[in-house]
Each structure stands twice: as C-alpha cells, then as structure tokens.
PDB file of all heavy atoms in Angstrom:
ATOM      1  N   GLY A   1     -10.170  -9.215 -21.463  1.00  0.00           N
ATOM      2  CA  GLY A   1      -9.795  -8.946 -20.162  1.00  0.00           C
ATOM      3  C   GLY A   1      -8.544  -8.040 -19.954  1.00  0.00           C
ATOM      4  O   GLY A   1      -8.145  -7.722 -18.835  1.00  0.00           O
ATOM      5  N   GLY A   2      -7.841  -7.841 -21.092  1.00  0.00           N
ATOM      6  CA  GLY A   2      -6.638  -7.045 -20.945  1.00  0.00           C
ATOM      7  C   GLY A   2      -6.912  -5.661 -20.674  1.00  0.00           C
ATOM      8  O   GLY A   2      -8.035  -5.181 -20.749  1.00  0.00           O
ATOM      9  N   GLY A   3      -5.845  -4.862 -20.417  1.00  0.00           N
ATOM     10  CA  GLY A   3      -6.027  -3.396 -20.141  1.00  0.00           C
ATOM     11  C   GLY A   3      -4.856  -2.848 -19.467  1.00  0.00           C
ATOM     12  O   GLY A   3      -3.745  -3.524 -19.269  1.00  0.00           O
ATOM     13  N   LEU A   4      -4.986  -1.706 -18.953  1.00  0.00           N
ATOM     14  CA  LEU A   4      -3.929  -0.965 -18.173  1.00  0.00           C
ATOM     15  C   LEU A   4      -4.204  -1.097 -16.703  1.00  0.00           C
ATOM     16  O   LEU A   4      -5.237  -0.932 -16.197  1.00  0.00           O
ATOM     17  CB  LEU A   4      -4.020   0.530 -18.535  1.00  0.00           C
ATOM     18  CG  LEU A   4      -2.998   1.483 -17.787  1.00  0.00           C
ATOM     19  CD1 LEU A   4      -1.575   1.148 -18.142  1.00  0.00           C
ATOM     20  CD2 LEU A   4      -3.362   2.935 -18.124  1.00  0.00           C
ATOM     21  N   VAL A   5      -3.084  -1.471 -15.969  1.00  0.00           N
ATOM     22  CA  VAL A   5      -3.168  -1.741 -14.603  1.00  0.00           C
ATOM     23  C   VAL A   5      -1.919  -1.196 -13.962  1.00  0.00           C
ATOM     24  O   VAL A   5      -0.747  -1.279 -14.562  1.00  0.00           O
ATOM     25  CB  VAL A   5      -3.371  -3.208 -14.239  1.00  0.00           C
ATOM     26  CG1 VAL A   5      -2.218  -4.116 -14.642  1.00  0.00           C
ATOM     27  CG2 VAL A   5      -3.684  -3.443 -12.770  1.00  0.00           C
ATOM     28  N   GLN A   6      -1.890  -0.809 -12.754  1.00  0.00           N
ATOM     29  CA  GLN A   6      -0.723  -0.296 -11.886  1.00  0.00           C
ATOM     30  C   GLN A   6       0.025  -1.482 -11.420  1.00  0.00           C
ATOM     31  O   GLN A   6      -0.554  -2.574 -11.243  1.00  0.00           O
ATOM     32  CB  GLN A   6      -1.217   0.691 -10.796  1.00  0.00           C
ATOM     33  CG  GLN A   6      -1.816   1.962 -11.266  1.00  0.00           C
ATOM     34  CD  GLN A   6      -2.203   2.810 -10.069  1.00  0.00           C
ATOM     35  OE1 GLN A   6      -2.311   2.309  -8.948  1.00  0.00           O
ATOM     36  NE2 GLN A   6      -2.464   4.073 -10.305  1.00  0.00           N
ATOM     37  N   PRO A   7       1.364  -1.320 -11.210  1.00  0.00           N
ATOM     38  CA  PRO A   7       2.158  -2.324 -10.581  1.00  0.00           C
ATOM     39  C   PRO A   7       1.615  -2.855  -9.302  1.00  0.00           C
ATOM     40  O   PRO A   7       1.038  -1.965  -8.466  1.00  0.00           O
ATOM     41  CB  PRO A   7       3.546  -1.724 -10.405  1.00  0.00           C
ATOM     42  CG  PRO A   7       3.627  -0.617 -11.448  1.00  0.00           C
ATOM     43  CD  PRO A   7       2.140  -0.102 -11.572  1.00  0.00           C
ATOM     44  N   GLY A   8       1.543  -4.051  -9.120  1.00  0.00           N
ATOM     45  CA  GLY A   8       0.920  -4.751  -7.939  1.00  0.00           C
ATOM     46  C   GLY A   8      -0.565  -5.008  -8.050  1.00  0.00           C
ATOM     47  O   GLY A   8      -1.119  -5.650  -7.132  1.00  0.00           O
ATOM     48  N   GLY A   9      -1.209  -4.598  -9.223  1.00  0.00           N
ATOM     49  CA  GLY A   9      -2.525  -4.837  -9.395  1.00  0.00           C
ATOM     50  C   GLY A   9      -2.801  -6.217 -10.031  1.00  0.00           C
ATOM     51  O   GLY A   9      -1.882  -7.045 -10.210  1.00  0.00           O
ATOM     52  N   SER A  10      -4.097  -6.473 -10.356  1.00  0.00           N
ATOM     53  CA  SER A  10      -4.545  -7.729 -10.915  1.00  0.00           C
ATOM     54  C   SER A  10      -5.356  -7.635 -12.126  1.00  0.00           C
ATOM     55  O   SER A  10      -6.018  -6.551 -12.296  1.00  0.00           O
ATOM     56  CB  SER A  10      -5.411  -8.467  -9.771  1.00  0.00           C
ATOM     57  OG  SER A  10      -4.537  -8.730  -8.656  1.00  0.00           O
ATOM     58  N   LEU A  11      -5.301  -8.570 -12.927  1.00  0.00           N
ATOM     59  CA  LEU A  11      -6.163  -8.703 -14.143  1.00  0.00           C
ATOM     60  C   LEU A  11      -6.547 -10.180 -14.325  1.00  0.00           C
ATOM     61  O   LEU A  11      -5.861 -11.057 -13.886  1.00  0.00           O
ATOM     62  CB  LEU A  11      -5.494  -8.225 -15.394  1.00  0.00           C
ATOM     63  CG  LEU A  11      -5.381  -6.687 -15.667  1.00  0.00           C
ATOM     64  CD1 LEU A  11      -4.587  -6.409 -16.902  1.00  0.00           C
ATOM     65  CD2 LEU A  11      -6.774  -6.085 -15.738  1.00  0.00           C
ATOM     66  N   ARG A  12      -7.725 -10.395 -14.894  1.00  0.00           N
ATOM     67  CA  ARG A  12      -8.233 -11.679 -15.226  1.00  0.00           C
ATOM     68  C   ARG A  12      -8.575 -11.810 -16.742  1.00  0.00           C
ATOM     69  O   ARG A  12      -9.384 -11.161 -17.115  1.00  0.00           O
ATOM     70  CB  ARG A  12      -9.452 -12.104 -14.396  1.00  0.00           C
ATOM     71  CG  ARG A  12      -9.942 -13.524 -14.655  1.00  0.00           C
ATOM     72  CD  ARG A  12     -11.132 -13.833 -13.755  1.00  0.00           C
ATOM     73  NE  ARG A  12     -11.724 -15.183 -13.944  1.00  0.00           N
ATOM     74  CZ  ARG A  12     -11.358 -16.235 -13.421  1.00  0.00           C
ATOM     75  NH1 ARG A  12     -10.215 -16.206 -12.565  1.00  0.00           N
ATOM     76  NH2 ARG A  12     -11.880 -17.424 -13.678  1.00  0.00           N
ATOM     77  N   LEU A  13      -7.683 -12.638 -17.458  1.00  0.00           N
ATOM     78  CA  LEU A  13      -7.870 -12.758 -18.829  1.00  0.00           C
ATOM     79  C   LEU A  13      -8.849 -14.032 -19.087  1.00  0.00           C
ATOM     80  O   LEU A  13      -8.714 -15.032 -18.369  1.00  0.00           O
ATOM     81  CB  LEU A  13      -6.593 -13.062 -19.588  1.00  0.00           C
ATOM     82  CG  LEU A  13      -5.522 -11.971 -19.376  1.00  0.00           C
ATOM     83  CD1 LEU A  13      -4.290 -12.232 -20.155  1.00  0.00           C
ATOM     84  CD2 LEU A  13      -6.117 -10.577 -19.692  1.00  0.00           C
ATOM     85  N   SER A  14      -9.544 -13.952 -20.146  1.00  0.00           N
ATOM     86  CA  SER A  14     -10.422 -15.084 -20.468  1.00  0.00           C
ATOM     87  C   SER A  14     -10.203 -15.358 -21.987  1.00  0.00           C
ATOM     88  O   SER A  14      -9.830 -14.544 -22.805  1.00  0.00           O
ATOM     89  CB  SER A  14     -11.992 -14.742 -20.360  1.00  0.00           C
ATOM     90  OG  SER A  14     -12.255 -14.454 -19.000  1.00  0.00           O
ATOM     91  N   CYS A  15     -10.329 -16.772 -22.358  1.00  0.00           N
ATOM     92  CA  CYS A  15     -10.260 -17.153 -23.695  1.00  0.00           C
ATOM     93  C   CYS A  15     -11.403 -18.111 -23.994  1.00  0.00           C
ATOM     94  O   CYS A  15     -11.523 -19.165 -23.377  1.00  0.00           O
ATOM     95  CB  CYS A  15      -8.878 -17.806 -23.937  1.00  0.00           C
ATOM     96  SG  CYS A  15      -8.724 -18.647 -25.438  1.00  0.00           S
ATOM     97  N   ALA A  16     -12.246 -17.657 -24.873  1.00  0.00           N
ATOM     98  CA  ALA A  16     -13.454 -18.479 -25.288  1.00  0.00           C
ATOM     99  C   ALA A  16     -13.155 -19.148 -26.648  1.00  0.00           C
ATOM    100  O   ALA A  16     -12.812 -18.489 -27.609  1.00  0.00           O
ATOM    101  CB  ALA A  16     -14.649 -17.524 -25.405  1.00  0.00           C
ATOM    102  N   ALA A  17     -13.382 -20.414 -26.604  1.00  0.00           N
ATOM    103  CA  ALA A  17     -13.229 -21.266 -27.921  1.00  0.00           C
ATOM    104  C   ALA A  17     -14.545 -21.516 -28.543  1.00  0.00           C
ATOM    105  O   ALA A  17     -15.563 -21.826 -27.821  1.00  0.00           O
ATOM    106  CB  ALA A  17     -12.559 -22.518 -27.481  1.00  0.00           C
ATOM    107  N   SER A  18     -14.717 -21.400 -29.857  1.00  0.00           N
ATOM    108  CA  SER A  18     -15.924 -21.523 -30.614  1.00  0.00           C
ATOM    109  C   SER A  18     -16.347 -22.988 -30.657  1.00  0.00           C
ATOM    110  O   SER A  18     -17.540 -23.302 -30.712  1.00  0.00           O
ATOM    111  CB  SER A  18     -15.743 -21.036 -32.027  1.00  0.00           C
ATOM    112  OG  SER A  18     -14.804 -21.730 -32.688  1.00  0.00           O
ATOM    113  N   GLY A  19     -15.422 -23.973 -30.859  1.00  0.00           N
ATOM    114  CA  GLY A  19     -15.659 -25.373 -31.018  1.00  0.00           C
ATOM    115  C   GLY A  19     -15.486 -26.082 -29.594  1.00  0.00           C
ATOM    116  O   GLY A  19     -14.926 -25.530 -28.658  1.00  0.00           O
ATOM    117  N   SER A  20     -15.698 -27.343 -29.719  1.00  0.00           N
ATOM    118  CA  SER A  20     -15.467 -28.247 -28.612  1.00  0.00           C
ATOM    119  C   SER A  20     -13.983 -28.573 -28.410  1.00  0.00           C
ATOM    120  O   SER A  20     -13.412 -29.229 -29.226  1.00  0.00           O
ATOM    121  CB  SER A  20     -16.260 -29.504 -28.772  1.00  0.00           C
ATOM    122  OG  SER A  20     -16.178 -30.512 -27.625  1.00  0.00           O
ATOM    123  N   ILE A  21     -13.471 -28.158 -27.293  1.00  0.00           N
ATOM    124  CA  ILE A  21     -12.037 -28.486 -26.979  1.00  0.00           C
ATOM    125  C   ILE A  21     -11.859 -29.152 -25.736  1.00  0.00           C
ATOM    126  O   ILE A  21     -10.739 -29.278 -25.192  1.00  0.00           O
ATOM    127  CB  ILE A  21     -11.226 -27.101 -27.104  1.00  0.00           C
ATOM    128  CG1 ILE A  21     -11.791 -26.002 -26.340  1.00  0.00           C
ATOM    129  CG2 ILE A  21     -11.017 -26.683 -28.535  1.00  0.00           C
ATOM    130  CD1 ILE A  21     -11.413 -25.941 -24.837  1.00  0.00           C
ATOM    131  N   PHE A  22     -12.890 -29.529 -25.035  1.00  0.00           N
ATOM    132  CA  PHE A  22     -12.794 -29.986 -23.652  1.00  0.00           C
ATOM    133  C   PHE A  22     -12.187 -31.430 -23.551  1.00  0.00           C
ATOM    134  O   PHE A  22     -11.708 -31.811 -22.433  1.00  0.00           O
ATOM    135  CB  PHE A  22     -14.166 -29.983 -22.966  1.00  0.00           C
ATOM    136  CG  PHE A  22     -15.199 -30.969 -23.654  1.00  0.00           C
ATOM    137  CD1 PHE A  22     -15.265 -32.217 -23.214  1.00  0.00           C
ATOM    138  CD2 PHE A  22     -15.998 -30.533 -24.576  1.00  0.00           C
ATOM    139  CE1 PHE A  22     -16.175 -33.156 -23.645  1.00  0.00           C
ATOM    140  CE2 PHE A  22     -16.912 -31.438 -25.137  1.00  0.00           C
ATOM    141  CZ  PHE A  22     -16.959 -32.737 -24.621  1.00  0.00           C
ATOM    142  N   THR A  23     -11.996 -32.091 -24.680  1.00  0.00           N
ATOM    143  CA  THR A  23     -11.501 -33.544 -24.522  1.00  0.00           C
ATOM    144  C   THR A  23     -10.101 -33.650 -25.136  1.00  0.00           C
ATOM    145  O   THR A  23      -9.269 -34.321 -24.508  1.00  0.00           O
ATOM    146  CB  THR A  23     -12.423 -34.437 -25.261  1.00  0.00           C
ATOM    147  OG1 THR A  23     -12.613 -34.084 -26.586  1.00  0.00           O
ATOM    148  CG2 THR A  23     -13.728 -34.596 -24.592  1.00  0.00           C
ATOM    149  N   SER A  24      -9.826 -32.980 -26.312  1.00  0.00           N
ATOM    150  CA  SER A  24      -8.713 -33.331 -27.047  1.00  0.00           C
ATOM    151  C   SER A  24      -7.625 -32.233 -27.272  1.00  0.00           C
ATOM    152  O   SER A  24      -6.694 -32.318 -28.026  1.00  0.00           O
ATOM    153  CB  SER A  24      -9.139 -33.889 -28.464  1.00  0.00           C
ATOM    154  OG  SER A  24      -9.862 -32.798 -29.091  1.00  0.00           O
ATOM    155  N   TYR A  25      -7.789 -31.162 -26.512  1.00  0.00           N
ATOM    156  CA  TYR A  25      -6.905 -29.997 -26.606  1.00  0.00           C
ATOM    157  C   TYR A  25      -6.219 -29.655 -25.305  1.00  0.00           C
ATOM    158  O   TYR A  25      -6.781 -29.611 -24.263  1.00  0.00           O
ATOM    159  CB  TYR A  25      -7.652 -28.737 -27.152  1.00  0.00           C
ATOM    160  CG  TYR A  25      -7.894 -28.792 -28.671  1.00  0.00           C
ATOM    161  CD1 TYR A  25      -9.092 -29.437 -29.134  1.00  0.00           C
ATOM    162  CD2 TYR A  25      -7.027 -28.255 -29.587  1.00  0.00           C
ATOM    163  CE1 TYR A  25      -9.449 -29.395 -30.392  1.00  0.00           C
ATOM    164  CE2 TYR A  25      -7.327 -28.288 -31.010  1.00  0.00           C
ATOM    165  CZ  TYR A  25      -8.530 -28.912 -31.364  1.00  0.00           C
ATOM    166  OH  TYR A  25      -8.796 -29.038 -32.647  1.00  0.00           O
ATOM    167  N   GLU A  26      -4.947 -29.392 -25.397  1.00  0.00           N
ATOM    168  CA  GLU A  26      -4.188 -28.661 -24.352  1.00  0.00           C
ATOM    169  C   GLU A  26      -4.289 -27.224 -24.686  1.00  0.00           C
ATOM    170  O   GLU A  26      -4.140 -26.792 -25.789  1.00  0.00           O
ATOM    171  CB  GLU A  26      -2.787 -29.209 -24.262  1.00  0.00           C
ATOM    172  CG  GLU A  26      -1.926 -28.435 -23.192  1.00  0.00           C
ATOM    173  CD  GLU A  26      -0.504 -28.920 -23.200  1.00  0.00           C
ATOM    174  OE1 GLU A  26       0.236 -28.303 -23.898  1.00  0.00           O
ATOM    175  OE2 GLU A  26      -0.178 -29.832 -22.368  1.00  0.00           O
ATOM    176  N   MET A  27      -4.447 -26.311 -23.643  1.00  0.00           N
ATOM    177  CA  MET A  27      -4.512 -24.944 -23.802  1.00  0.00           C
ATOM    178  C   MET A  27      -3.530 -24.227 -23.048  1.00  0.00           C
ATOM    179  O   MET A  27      -2.901 -24.738 -22.085  1.00  0.00           O
ATOM    180  CB  MET A  27      -5.871 -24.401 -23.431  1.00  0.00           C
ATOM    181  CG  MET A  27      -7.033 -25.170 -24.222  1.00  0.00           C
ATOM    182  SD  MET A  27      -8.670 -24.292 -23.952  1.00  0.00           S
ATOM    183  CE  MET A  27      -8.355 -22.842 -24.962  1.00  0.00           C
ATOM    184  N   GLY A  28      -3.152 -22.987 -23.514  1.00  0.00           N
ATOM    185  CA  GLY A  28      -2.109 -22.241 -22.858  1.00  0.00           C
ATOM    186  C   GLY A  28      -2.205 -20.789 -23.170  1.00  0.00           C
ATOM    187  O   GLY A  28      -2.894 -20.364 -24.085  1.00  0.00           O
TER     188      GLY A  28
END
C-alpha cells in the first residue's frame, strides 16, 4: 500500500500475516 502521495493526501497500508496471530500477538 505504500507509494508517492502529495501533502494532504491519504494512503492505506496493509500487513498480511502468514500464520495465526489473532489470539496471542500485539501488532504495530
């Protein structure tokens, strides 16, 4: 989701995990 954007613009980054992290991981 990264890229070049003008000041004031918006971007949405995504992070996909291969394993199961829904119970025991904090993410950041």
